[in-house]
Amino acid sequence: NNTFSGSLPSEIGLLDNLLYLNLRNNVLNGTLPSEIGLLTNLQYLILDGNKLSGPLPTEILRLTNLTQLELSGNRFSAEEVDEVVVSLGLDFSCNETTVEVKLTTDDSPDETKWVITIGDGSVVASGGGYILESITHDEKVCVPLDGCNFTLFDQDEDAGPTVEITRLGKVYQIDGAFTNQVVVDICA
């Protein structure tokens, strides 16, 4: 949302230690440079809401550390984007219950983690290891039907992270106003 315009320069490939690239909702145009494939440490590539077009470079398949790829709202072929998503293993299917967790980190992201447990306290899904402040992470996990207890941990006693949890079409929210941990029954 910085109203950046123009095309992505080929020099972007020089940022070989880059982990997170978020250029969402700008006015970038042109094609994605093949040098994007040099960013092999990249975990998040967020380019949605621009005017990028043309074929996706095959070099994008070198981004095997990606956990999130957002390309919607551009002029790429949907089929081509789907092929890249599948090739990079970013597609998601679940034979049990899908839970989507949208967590926006606070000023101390490394102190934030979450777990989903079943009745006996066994952890069936978890998240954490966040490193960037004020970034929304969108994660999908597959849990058993009785994976009902979502616990959010944050060591700071200031305003914590905010979370939106979606399970079976129902949305649960945590507003960041809690101390150390909060538990939400996501089966209620």
N, C-alpha and C. Protein backbone atom coordinates (compact mmCIF):
# COMPACT_ATOMS: atom_id res chain seq x y z
N ASN A 1 0.81 -1.20 0.00
CA ASN A 1 0.00 0.00 0.00
C ASN A 1 0.85 1.26 0.00
N ASN A 2 1.95 1.24 -0.72
CA ASN A 2 2.84 2.39 -0.77
C ASN A 2 2.76 3.10 -2.11
N THR A 3 1.86 2.71 -2.97
CA THR A 3 1.71 3.21 -4.33
C THR A 3 3.01 3.13 -5.12
N PHE A 4 3.80 2.07 -4.88
CA PHE A 4 4.96 1.82 -5.72
C PHE A 4 4.46 1.53 -7.13
N SER A 5 5.17 2.06 -8.12
CA SER A 5 4.78 1.82 -9.50
C SER A 5 6.00 1.39 -10.30
N GLY A 6 5.74 0.96 -11.53
CA GLY A 6 6.82 0.49 -12.38
C GLY A 6 6.95 -1.02 -12.28
N SER A 7 8.04 -1.52 -12.81
CA SER A 7 8.25 -2.97 -12.81
C SER A 7 9.27 -3.35 -11.75
N LEU A 8 9.26 -4.63 -11.40
CA LEU A 8 10.25 -5.14 -10.46
C LEU A 8 11.59 -5.25 -11.20
N PRO A 9 12.64 -4.68 -10.67
CA PRO A 9 13.93 -4.73 -11.36
C PRO A 9 14.58 -6.11 -11.25
N SER A 10 15.39 -6.46 -12.22
CA SER A 10 16.09 -7.74 -12.18
C SER A 10 17.06 -7.80 -11.00
N GLU A 11 17.48 -6.65 -10.49
CA GLU A 11 18.39 -6.59 -9.35
C GLU A 11 17.77 -7.15 -8.08
N ILE A 12 16.47 -7.42 -8.11
CA ILE A 12 15.83 -8.02 -6.94
C ILE A 12 16.50 -9.33 -6.58
N GLY A 13 17.08 -10.00 -7.56
CA GLY A 13 17.76 -11.26 -7.33
C GLY A 13 19.00 -11.13 -6.47
N LEU A 14 19.49 -9.91 -6.26
CA LEU A 14 20.67 -9.69 -5.42
C LEU A 14 20.33 -9.77 -3.93
N LEU A 15 19.06 -9.77 -3.59
CA LEU A 15 18.62 -9.80 -2.20
C LEU A 15 18.52 -11.26 -1.73
N ASP A 16 19.61 -12.00 -1.86
CA ASP A 16 19.57 -13.44 -1.67
C ASP A 16 19.30 -13.90 -0.23
N ASN A 17 19.36 -13.01 0.75
CA ASN A 17 19.03 -13.38 2.13
C ASN A 17 17.61 -12.97 2.51
N LEU A 18 16.87 -12.43 1.57
CA LEU A 18 15.53 -11.94 1.83
C LEU A 18 14.61 -13.10 2.21
N LEU A 19 13.84 -12.91 3.30
CA LEU A 19 12.90 -13.92 3.77
C LEU A 19 11.46 -13.55 3.44
N TYR A 20 11.16 -12.24 3.40
CA TYR A 20 9.79 -11.78 3.30
C TYR A 20 9.72 -10.63 2.31
N LEU A 21 8.93 -10.78 1.27
CA LEU A 21 8.73 -9.71 0.30
C LEU A 21 7.24 -9.46 0.17
N ASN A 22 6.81 -8.29 0.66
CA ASN A 22 5.40 -7.93 0.62
C ASN A 22 5.26 -6.62 -0.14
N LEU A 23 4.76 -6.71 -1.35
CA LEU A 23 4.49 -5.53 -2.18
C LEU A 23 3.01 -5.50 -2.56
N ARG A 24 2.18 -5.94 -1.64
CA ARG A 24 0.72 -6.03 -1.83
C ARG A 24 0.12 -4.65 -2.11
N ASN A 25 -0.87 -4.63 -3.00
CA ASN A 25 -1.70 -3.45 -3.28
C ASN A 25 -0.89 -2.21 -3.65
N ASN A 26 -0.03 -2.36 -4.63
CA ASN A 26 0.67 -1.23 -5.23
C ASN A 26 0.23 -1.15 -6.68
N VAL A 27 0.98 -0.48 -7.51
CA VAL A 27 0.65 -0.40 -8.94
C VAL A 27 1.83 -0.89 -9.78
N LEU A 28 2.42 -2.00 -9.33
CA LEU A 28 3.52 -2.60 -10.07
C LEU A 28 2.97 -3.23 -11.35
N ASN A 29 3.75 -3.12 -12.43
CA ASN A 29 3.32 -3.70 -13.70
C ASN A 29 4.48 -4.41 -14.35
N GLY A 30 4.25 -4.93 -15.54
CA GLY A 30 5.29 -5.67 -16.23
C GLY A 30 5.31 -7.12 -15.78
N THR A 31 6.37 -7.80 -16.14
CA THR A 31 6.49 -9.22 -15.81
C THR A 31 7.33 -9.40 -14.56
N LEU A 32 7.20 -10.55 -13.97
CA LEU A 32 8.02 -10.93 -12.83
C LEU A 32 9.39 -11.34 -13.37
N PRO A 33 10.47 -10.70 -12.93
CA PRO A 33 11.78 -11.02 -13.50
C PRO A 33 12.21 -12.44 -13.13
N SER A 34 12.92 -13.08 -14.03
CA SER A 34 13.39 -14.45 -13.78
C SER A 34 14.33 -14.50 -12.57
N GLU A 35 14.97 -13.38 -12.25
CA GLU A 35 15.88 -13.32 -11.10
C GLU A 35 15.17 -13.55 -9.77
N ILE A 36 13.85 -13.52 -9.77
CA ILE A 36 13.10 -13.82 -8.55
C ILE A 36 13.48 -15.22 -8.05
N GLY A 37 13.87 -16.10 -8.96
CA GLY A 37 14.26 -17.44 -8.61
C GLY A 37 15.56 -17.54 -7.83
N LEU A 38 16.29 -16.43 -7.74
CA LEU A 38 17.54 -16.41 -6.97
C LEU A 38 17.28 -16.21 -5.48
N LEU A 39 16.05 -15.87 -5.12
CA LEU A 39 15.69 -15.60 -3.72
C LEU A 39 15.33 -16.91 -3.02
N THR A 40 16.26 -17.84 -2.99
CA THR A 40 15.96 -19.19 -2.52
C THR A 40 15.68 -19.29 -1.02
N ASN A 41 15.96 -18.23 -0.25
CA ASN A 41 15.63 -18.23 1.17
C ASN A 41 14.24 -17.66 1.44
N LEU A 42 13.62 -17.12 0.40
CA LEU A 42 12.33 -16.45 0.54
C LEU A 42 11.27 -17.40 1.08
N GLN A 43 10.55 -16.94 2.13
CA GLN A 43 9.46 -17.73 2.71
C GLN A 43 8.09 -17.16 2.37
N TYR A 44 8.02 -15.85 2.15
CA TYR A 44 6.75 -15.18 1.85
C TYR A 44 6.94 -14.29 0.63
N LEU A 45 6.14 -14.53 -0.41
CA LEU A 45 6.13 -13.70 -1.60
C LEU A 45 4.71 -13.19 -1.79
N ILE A 46 4.51 -11.94 -1.42
CA ILE A 46 3.17 -11.34 -1.41
C ILE A 46 3.14 -10.24 -2.47
N LEU A 47 2.52 -10.51 -3.60
CA LEU A 47 2.48 -9.55 -4.70
C LEU A 47 1.05 -9.29 -5.18
N ASP A 48 0.05 -9.71 -4.40
CA ASP A 48 -1.32 -9.56 -4.85
C ASP A 48 -1.73 -8.09 -4.92
N GLY A 49 -2.73 -7.81 -5.77
CA GLY A 49 -3.28 -6.47 -5.88
C GLY A 49 -2.40 -5.51 -6.67
N ASN A 50 -1.68 -5.99 -7.65
CA ASN A 50 -0.88 -5.14 -8.53
C ASN A 50 -1.38 -5.30 -9.97
N LYS A 51 -0.55 -4.95 -10.93
CA LYS A 51 -0.91 -5.09 -12.34
C LYS A 51 0.15 -5.88 -13.08
N LEU A 52 0.76 -6.83 -12.37
CA LEU A 52 1.78 -7.67 -12.98
C LEU A 52 1.13 -8.60 -13.99
N SER A 53 1.87 -8.95 -15.04
CA SER A 53 1.27 -9.77 -16.10
C SER A 53 2.33 -10.66 -16.74
N GLY A 54 1.90 -11.35 -17.78
CA GLY A 54 2.82 -12.19 -18.53
C GLY A 54 2.96 -13.55 -17.91
N PRO A 55 3.74 -14.39 -18.55
CA PRO A 55 3.96 -15.71 -17.97
C PRO A 55 4.82 -15.61 -16.72
N LEU A 56 4.57 -16.50 -15.77
CA LEU A 56 5.42 -16.57 -14.59
C LEU A 56 6.74 -17.21 -14.99
N PRO A 57 7.85 -16.67 -14.52
CA PRO A 57 9.13 -17.28 -14.91
C PRO A 57 9.26 -18.67 -14.29
N THR A 58 9.81 -19.61 -15.04
CA THR A 58 10.00 -20.97 -14.51
C THR A 58 10.92 -20.96 -13.30
N GLU A 59 11.77 -19.95 -13.19
CA GLU A 59 12.69 -19.84 -12.06
C GLU A 59 11.96 -19.71 -10.72
N ILE A 60 10.69 -19.33 -10.75
CA ILE A 60 9.93 -19.20 -9.51
C ILE A 60 9.83 -20.56 -8.79
N LEU A 61 9.99 -21.64 -9.54
CA LEU A 61 9.93 -22.98 -8.95
C LEU A 61 11.14 -23.29 -8.09
N ARG A 62 12.15 -22.44 -8.11
CA ARG A 62 13.32 -22.60 -7.24
C ARG A 62 13.04 -22.12 -5.81
N LEU A 63 11.91 -21.47 -5.60
CA LEU A 63 11.57 -20.90 -4.29
C LEU A 63 10.95 -21.97 -3.40
N THR A 64 11.71 -22.98 -3.10
CA THR A 64 11.20 -24.14 -2.37
C THR A 64 11.00 -23.89 -0.88
N ASN A 65 11.45 -22.76 -0.37
CA ASN A 65 11.23 -22.42 1.04
C ASN A 65 9.96 -21.60 1.26
N LEU A 66 9.24 -21.30 0.17
CA LEU A 66 8.02 -20.50 0.31
C LEU A 66 6.99 -21.23 1.17
N THR A 67 6.38 -20.47 2.08
CA THR A 67 5.24 -20.98 2.83
C THR A 67 3.97 -20.23 2.44
N GLN A 68 4.15 -19.07 1.81
CA GLN A 68 2.98 -18.30 1.38
C GLN A 68 3.31 -17.59 0.07
N LEU A 69 2.43 -17.75 -0.90
CA LEU A 69 2.55 -17.12 -2.22
C LEU A 69 1.22 -16.48 -2.54
N GLU A 70 1.22 -15.18 -2.71
CA GLU A 70 -0.02 -14.44 -3.02
C GLU A 70 0.17 -13.69 -4.33
N LEU A 71 -0.55 -14.12 -5.37
CA LEU A 71 -0.42 -13.49 -6.68
C LEU A 71 -1.76 -13.01 -7.25
N SER A 72 -2.85 -13.15 -6.49
CA SER A 72 -4.17 -12.77 -7.01
C SER A 72 -4.24 -11.27 -7.26
N GLY A 73 -5.20 -10.87 -8.07
CA GLY A 73 -5.38 -9.45 -8.35
C GLY A 73 -4.35 -8.91 -9.33
N ASN A 74 -3.67 -9.78 -10.04
CA ASN A 74 -2.76 -9.39 -11.11
C ASN A 74 -3.33 -9.92 -12.42
N ARG A 75 -2.52 -9.93 -13.44
CA ARG A 75 -2.99 -10.38 -14.75
C ARG A 75 -2.31 -11.67 -15.18
N PHE A 76 -1.99 -12.51 -14.20
CA PHE A 76 -1.39 -13.80 -14.48
C PHE A 76 -2.50 -14.80 -14.83
N SER A 77 -2.14 -15.82 -15.57
CA SER A 77 -3.07 -16.89 -15.87
C SER A 77 -3.36 -17.68 -14.59
N ALA A 78 -4.64 -17.86 -14.28
CA ALA A 78 -5.01 -18.60 -13.08
C ALA A 78 -4.48 -20.03 -13.12
N GLU A 79 -4.51 -20.63 -14.31
CA GLU A 79 -4.01 -22.00 -14.46
C GLU A 79 -2.52 -22.06 -14.15
N GLU A 80 -1.77 -21.06 -14.64
CA GLU A 80 -0.33 -21.03 -14.41
C GLU A 80 -0.01 -20.83 -12.93
N VAL A 81 -0.76 -19.94 -12.26
CA VAL A 81 -0.56 -19.73 -10.83
C VAL A 81 -0.86 -21.01 -10.07
N ASP A 82 -1.96 -21.69 -10.43
CA ASP A 82 -2.31 -22.95 -9.77
C ASP A 82 -1.21 -23.99 -9.95
N GLU A 83 -0.63 -24.06 -11.13
CA GLU A 83 0.45 -25.02 -11.38
C GLU A 83 1.65 -24.73 -10.49
N VAL A 84 2.00 -23.45 -10.33
CA VAL A 84 3.14 -23.07 -9.48
C VAL A 84 2.83 -23.42 -8.02
N VAL A 85 1.62 -23.13 -7.58
CA VAL A 85 1.23 -23.41 -6.20
C VAL A 85 1.35 -24.91 -5.92
N VAL A 86 0.85 -25.72 -6.82
CA VAL A 86 0.91 -27.17 -6.64
C VAL A 86 2.36 -27.65 -6.71
N SER A 87 3.12 -27.16 -7.67
CA SER A 87 4.52 -27.58 -7.83
C SER A 87 5.36 -27.26 -6.60
N LEU A 88 5.05 -26.15 -5.95
CA LEU A 88 5.80 -25.75 -4.75
C LEU A 88 5.23 -26.37 -3.47
N GLY A 89 4.20 -27.17 -3.62
CA GLY A 89 3.61 -27.84 -2.45
C GLY A 89 2.84 -26.91 -1.56
N LEU A 90 2.29 -25.84 -2.14
CA LEU A 90 1.56 -24.86 -1.34
C LEU A 90 0.06 -25.09 -1.36
N ASP A 91 -0.39 -26.08 -2.12
CA ASP A 91 -1.82 -26.37 -2.12
C ASP A 91 -2.17 -27.10 -0.83
N PHE A 92 -3.43 -27.07 -0.46
CA PHE A 92 -3.82 -27.60 0.83
C PHE A 92 -5.05 -28.47 0.68
N SER A 93 -4.97 -29.68 1.19
CA SER A 93 -6.15 -30.53 1.24
C SER A 93 -6.16 -31.23 2.60
N CYS A 94 -7.35 -31.50 3.08
CA CYS A 94 -7.48 -32.04 4.44
C CYS A 94 -8.57 -33.09 4.46
N ASN A 95 -8.28 -34.23 5.05
CA ASN A 95 -9.27 -35.29 5.18
C ASN A 95 -10.02 -35.21 6.50
N GLU A 96 -9.65 -34.26 7.35
CA GLU A 96 -10.32 -34.12 8.65
C GLU A 96 -10.99 -32.74 8.70
N THR A 97 -10.66 -31.91 9.68
CA THR A 97 -11.27 -30.60 9.81
C THR A 97 -10.23 -29.52 9.55
N THR A 98 -10.51 -28.63 8.61
CA THR A 98 -9.59 -27.54 8.30
C THR A 98 -9.83 -26.39 9.26
N VAL A 99 -8.75 -25.89 9.83
CA VAL A 99 -8.81 -24.70 10.68
C VAL A 99 -7.87 -23.68 10.05
N GLU A 100 -8.39 -22.48 9.80
CA GLU A 100 -7.57 -21.40 9.26
C GLU A 100 -7.26 -20.42 10.39
N VAL A 101 -5.99 -20.09 10.55
CA VAL A 101 -5.55 -19.18 11.59
C VAL A 101 -4.91 -17.97 10.92
N LYS A 102 -5.51 -16.79 11.10
CA LYS A 102 -4.93 -15.54 10.59
C LYS A 102 -4.44 -14.78 11.81
N LEU A 103 -3.14 -14.74 11.98
CA LEU A 103 -2.52 -14.14 13.15
C LEU A 103 -1.71 -12.93 12.72
N THR A 104 -1.98 -11.78 13.34
CA THR A 104 -1.19 -10.57 13.09
C THR A 104 -0.29 -10.37 14.29
N THR A 105 1.01 -10.41 14.04
CA THR A 105 1.99 -10.31 15.12
C THR A 105 2.01 -8.92 15.74
N ASP A 106 2.49 -8.86 16.98
CA ASP A 106 2.65 -7.59 17.69
C ASP A 106 4.10 -7.15 17.59
N ASP A 107 4.56 -6.32 18.55
CA ASP A 107 5.92 -5.80 18.53
C ASP A 107 6.97 -6.81 18.95
N SER A 108 6.55 -7.95 19.48
CA SER A 108 7.47 -9.01 19.90
C SER A 108 7.01 -10.34 19.30
N PRO A 109 7.13 -10.49 17.98
CA PRO A 109 6.57 -11.68 17.32
C PRO A 109 7.20 -12.99 17.77
N ASP A 110 8.46 -12.94 18.19
CA ASP A 110 9.13 -14.17 18.60
C ASP A 110 8.58 -14.74 19.90
N GLU A 111 7.77 -13.97 20.62
CA GLU A 111 7.19 -14.44 21.89
C GLU A 111 5.77 -14.98 21.71
N THR A 112 5.35 -15.11 20.46
CA THR A 112 3.99 -15.56 20.16
C THR A 112 4.02 -16.98 19.62
N LYS A 113 3.13 -17.81 20.16
CA LYS A 113 2.91 -19.15 19.61
C LYS A 113 1.49 -19.56 19.92
N TRP A 114 1.00 -20.59 19.24
CA TRP A 114 -0.34 -21.10 19.46
C TRP A 114 -0.36 -22.61 19.31
N VAL A 115 -1.34 -23.22 19.94
CA VAL A 115 -1.56 -24.66 19.81
C VAL A 115 -3.05 -24.95 19.72
N ILE A 116 -3.37 -26.04 19.07
CA ILE A 116 -4.73 -26.58 19.10
C ILE A 116 -4.61 -27.96 19.73
N THR A 117 -5.45 -28.21 20.74
CA THR A 117 -5.40 -29.48 21.46
C THR A 117 -6.74 -30.19 21.42
N ILE A 118 -6.69 -31.49 21.68
CA ILE A 118 -7.92 -32.27 21.84
C ILE A 118 -8.19 -32.39 23.34
N GLY A 119 -9.26 -33.07 23.70
CA GLY A 119 -9.72 -33.15 25.09
C GLY A 119 -8.69 -33.61 26.10
N ASP A 120 -7.80 -34.54 25.72
CA ASP A 120 -6.81 -35.03 26.69
C ASP A 120 -5.57 -34.13 26.77
N GLY A 121 -5.59 -33.01 26.06
CA GLY A 121 -4.47 -32.08 26.11
C GLY A 121 -3.41 -32.31 25.05
N SER A 122 -3.56 -33.34 24.24
CA SER A 122 -2.59 -33.62 23.18
C SER A 122 -2.64 -32.52 22.11
N VAL A 123 -1.48 -32.04 21.71
CA VAL A 123 -1.39 -31.00 20.69
C VAL A 123 -1.56 -31.65 19.32
N VAL A 124 -2.50 -31.11 18.52
CA VAL A 124 -2.75 -31.63 17.18
C VAL A 124 -2.31 -30.65 16.09
N ALA A 125 -2.03 -29.40 16.47
CA ALA A 125 -1.52 -28.40 15.52
C ALA A 125 -0.89 -27.28 16.34
N SER A 126 0.08 -26.60 15.72
CA SER A 126 0.73 -25.50 16.42
C SER A 126 1.34 -24.53 15.42
N GLY A 127 1.64 -23.35 15.92
CA GLY A 127 2.29 -22.33 15.10
C GLY A 127 3.17 -21.46 15.98
N GLY A 128 4.12 -20.81 15.37
CA GLY A 128 5.04 -19.95 16.10
C GLY A 128 6.27 -19.71 15.25
N GLY A 129 7.33 -19.23 15.89
CA GLY A 129 8.55 -18.94 15.15
C GLY A 129 8.44 -17.69 14.29
N TYR A 130 7.55 -16.79 14.68
CA TYR A 130 7.35 -15.57 13.90
C TYR A 130 8.52 -14.62 14.15
N ILE A 131 8.93 -13.89 13.11
CA ILE A 131 10.08 -13.01 13.25
C ILE A 131 9.80 -11.56 12.87
N LEU A 132 8.72 -11.30 12.16
CA LEU A 132 8.44 -9.95 11.71
C LEU A 132 7.28 -9.33 12.46
N GLU A 133 7.44 -8.06 12.83
CA GLU A 133 6.41 -7.33 13.58
C GLU A 133 5.27 -6.90 12.67
N SER A 134 4.07 -6.91 13.22
CA SER A 134 2.87 -6.38 12.56
C SER A 134 2.62 -6.97 11.18
N ILE A 135 2.82 -8.27 11.05
CA ILE A 135 2.60 -8.98 9.79
C ILE A 135 1.51 -10.02 10.01
N THR A 136 0.59 -10.12 9.04
CA THR A 136 -0.46 -11.13 9.13
C THR A 136 0.01 -12.42 8.49
N HIS A 137 -0.05 -13.49 9.25
CA HIS A 137 0.29 -14.83 8.80
C HIS A 137 -1.00 -15.61 8.63
N ASP A 138 -1.18 -16.20 7.48
CA ASP A 138 -2.38 -16.97 7.20
C ASP A 138 -1.97 -18.43 7.09
N GLU A 139 -2.40 -19.24 8.06
CA GLU A 139 -1.99 -20.64 8.13
C GLU A 139 -3.23 -21.52 8.14
N LYS A 140 -3.15 -22.63 7.43
CA LYS A 140 -4.22 -23.63 7.45
C LYS A 140 -3.64 -24.91 8.02
N VAL A 141 -4.40 -25.51 8.92
CA VAL A 141 -3.99 -26.77 9.53
C VAL A 141 -5.14 -27.75 9.45
N CYS A 142 -4.80 -29.00 9.48
CA CYS A 142 -5.78 -30.08 9.44
C CYS A 142 -5.79 -30.73 10.82
N VAL A 143 -6.96 -30.73 11.47
CA VAL A 143 -7.05 -31.27 12.82
C VAL A 143 -8.21 -32.26 12.92
N PRO A 144 -8.16 -33.15 13.91
CA PRO A 144 -9.30 -34.06 14.13
C PRO A 144 -10.55 -33.26 14.53
N LEU A 145 -11.69 -33.85 14.37
CA LEU A 145 -12.95 -33.18 14.68
C LEU A 145 -12.99 -32.67 16.12
N ASP A 146 -12.31 -33.38 17.05
CA ASP A 146 -12.33 -32.95 18.45
C ASP A 146 -11.16 -32.03 18.80
N GLY A 147 -10.49 -31.46 17.79
CA GLY A 147 -9.45 -30.45 18.04
C GLY A 147 -10.13 -29.12 18.30
N CYS A 148 -10.48 -28.89 19.56
CA CYS A 148 -11.39 -27.79 19.91
C CYS A 148 -10.76 -26.64 20.69
N ASN A 149 -9.63 -26.87 21.34
CA ASN A 149 -9.07 -25.84 22.21
C ASN A 149 -7.91 -25.12 21.53
N PHE A 150 -8.14 -23.85 21.22
CA PHE A 150 -7.10 -23.02 20.63
C PHE A 150 -6.50 -22.18 21.75
N THR A 151 -5.20 -22.31 21.98
CA THR A 151 -4.52 -21.53 23.01
C THR A 151 -3.47 -20.66 22.36
N LEU A 152 -3.54 -19.37 22.66
CA LEU A 152 -2.57 -18.39 22.15
C LEU A 152 -1.70 -17.95 23.31
N PHE A 153 -0.39 -18.02 23.10
CA PHE A 153 0.58 -17.61 24.12
C PHE A 153 1.32 -16.36 23.65
N ASP A 154 1.53 -15.43 24.56
CA ASP A 154 2.32 -14.23 24.27
C ASP A 154 2.93 -13.77 25.58
N GLN A 155 4.26 -13.70 25.64
CA GLN A 155 4.94 -13.39 26.89
C GLN A 155 4.80 -11.94 27.31
N ASP A 156 4.63 -11.03 26.34
CA ASP A 156 4.49 -9.62 26.70
C ASP A 156 3.12 -9.37 27.32
N GLU A 157 3.09 -8.42 28.22
CA GLU A 157 1.80 -8.07 28.83
C GLU A 157 1.22 -6.82 28.18
N ASP A 158 1.85 -6.37 27.09
CA ASP A 158 1.30 -5.23 26.35
C ASP A 158 0.23 -5.77 25.40
N ALA A 159 -0.17 -4.95 24.47
CA ALA A 159 -1.14 -5.40 23.48
C ALA A 159 -0.54 -6.55 22.69
N GLY A 160 -1.19 -7.68 22.72
CA GLY A 160 -0.67 -8.87 22.07
C GLY A 160 -1.11 -8.98 20.63
N PRO A 161 -0.83 -10.13 20.03
CA PRO A 161 -1.24 -10.36 18.66
C PRO A 161 -2.75 -10.50 18.55
N THR A 162 -3.26 -10.26 17.36
CA THR A 162 -4.68 -10.48 17.10
C THR A 162 -4.80 -11.72 16.22
N VAL A 163 -5.89 -12.46 16.43
CA VAL A 163 -6.07 -13.71 15.71
C VAL A 163 -7.51 -13.86 15.28
N GLU A 164 -7.69 -14.38 14.07
CA GLU A 164 -9.00 -14.77 13.57
C GLU A 164 -8.89 -16.25 13.21
N ILE A 165 -9.72 -17.07 13.82
CA ILE A 165 -9.70 -18.51 13.61
C ILE A 165 -11.01 -18.90 12.93
N THR A 166 -10.91 -19.64 11.83
CA THR A 166 -12.11 -20.10 11.13
C THR A 166 -12.12 -21.62 11.14
N ARG A 167 -13.21 -22.17 11.65
CA ARG A 167 -13.38 -23.63 11.71
C ARG A 167 -14.82 -23.96 11.34
N LEU A 168 -14.99 -24.79 10.32
CA LEU A 168 -16.31 -25.20 9.85
C LEU A 168 -17.22 -23.99 9.59
N GLY A 169 -16.66 -22.95 9.00
CA GLY A 169 -17.42 -21.76 8.63
C GLY A 169 -17.67 -20.77 9.75
N LYS A 170 -17.31 -21.10 10.97
CA LYS A 170 -17.53 -20.19 12.10
C LYS A 170 -16.22 -19.47 12.41
N VAL A 171 -16.33 -18.17 12.69
CA VAL A 171 -15.14 -17.34 12.94
C VAL A 171 -15.06 -16.97 14.41
N TYR A 172 -13.87 -17.13 14.96
CA TYR A 172 -13.58 -16.78 16.36
C TYR A 172 -12.46 -15.75 16.32
N GLN A 173 -12.55 -14.74 17.20
CA GLN A 173 -11.53 -13.68 17.18
C GLN A 173 -10.92 -13.47 18.56
N ILE A 174 -9.63 -13.15 18.54
CA ILE A 174 -8.90 -12.76 19.74
C ILE A 174 -8.34 -11.38 19.45
N ASP A 175 -8.67 -10.40 20.29
CA ASP A 175 -8.34 -9.01 20.00
C ASP A 175 -6.99 -8.52 20.53
N GLY A 176 -6.22 -9.37 21.14
CA GLY A 176 -4.91 -8.95 21.64
C GLY A 176 -4.92 -8.45 23.07
N ALA A 177 -6.10 -8.33 23.66
CA ALA A 177 -6.21 -7.84 25.03
C ALA A 177 -6.25 -9.02 25.99
N PHE A 178 -5.09 -9.61 26.29
CA PHE A 178 -5.00 -10.71 27.22
C PHE A 178 -3.60 -10.71 27.82
N THR A 179 -3.43 -11.43 28.90
CA THR A 179 -2.13 -11.51 29.58
C THR A 179 -1.61 -12.93 29.48
N ASN A 180 -0.46 -13.10 28.88
CA ASN A 180 0.27 -14.36 28.76
C ASN A 180 -0.39 -15.42 27.87
N GLN A 181 -1.65 -15.75 28.11
CA GLN A 181 -2.31 -16.74 27.25
C GLN A 181 -3.82 -16.57 27.30
N VAL A 182 -4.45 -17.05 26.23
CA VAL A 182 -5.90 -17.05 26.16
C VAL A 182 -6.32 -18.36 25.48
N VAL A 183 -7.41 -18.95 25.96
CA VAL A 183 -7.93 -20.20 25.41
C VAL A 183 -9.31 -19.94 24.82
N VAL A 184 -9.52 -20.43 23.61
CA VAL A 184 -10.81 -20.28 22.94
C VAL A 184 -11.30 -21.66 22.53
N ASP A 185 -12.56 -21.96 22.86
CA ASP A 185 -13.19 -23.21 22.42
C ASP A 185 -13.68 -22.99 21.00
N ILE A 186 -12.99 -23.57 20.02
CA ILE A 186 -13.36 -23.34 18.62
C ILE A 186 -14.35 -24.39 18.11
N CYS A 187 -14.94 -25.15 19.04
CA CYS A 187 -16.01 -26.08 18.69
C CYS A 187 -17.36 -25.58 19.19
N ALA A 188 -17.36 -24.50 19.92
CA ALA A 188 -18.60 -23.97 20.52
C ALA A 188 -19.47 -23.31 19.47
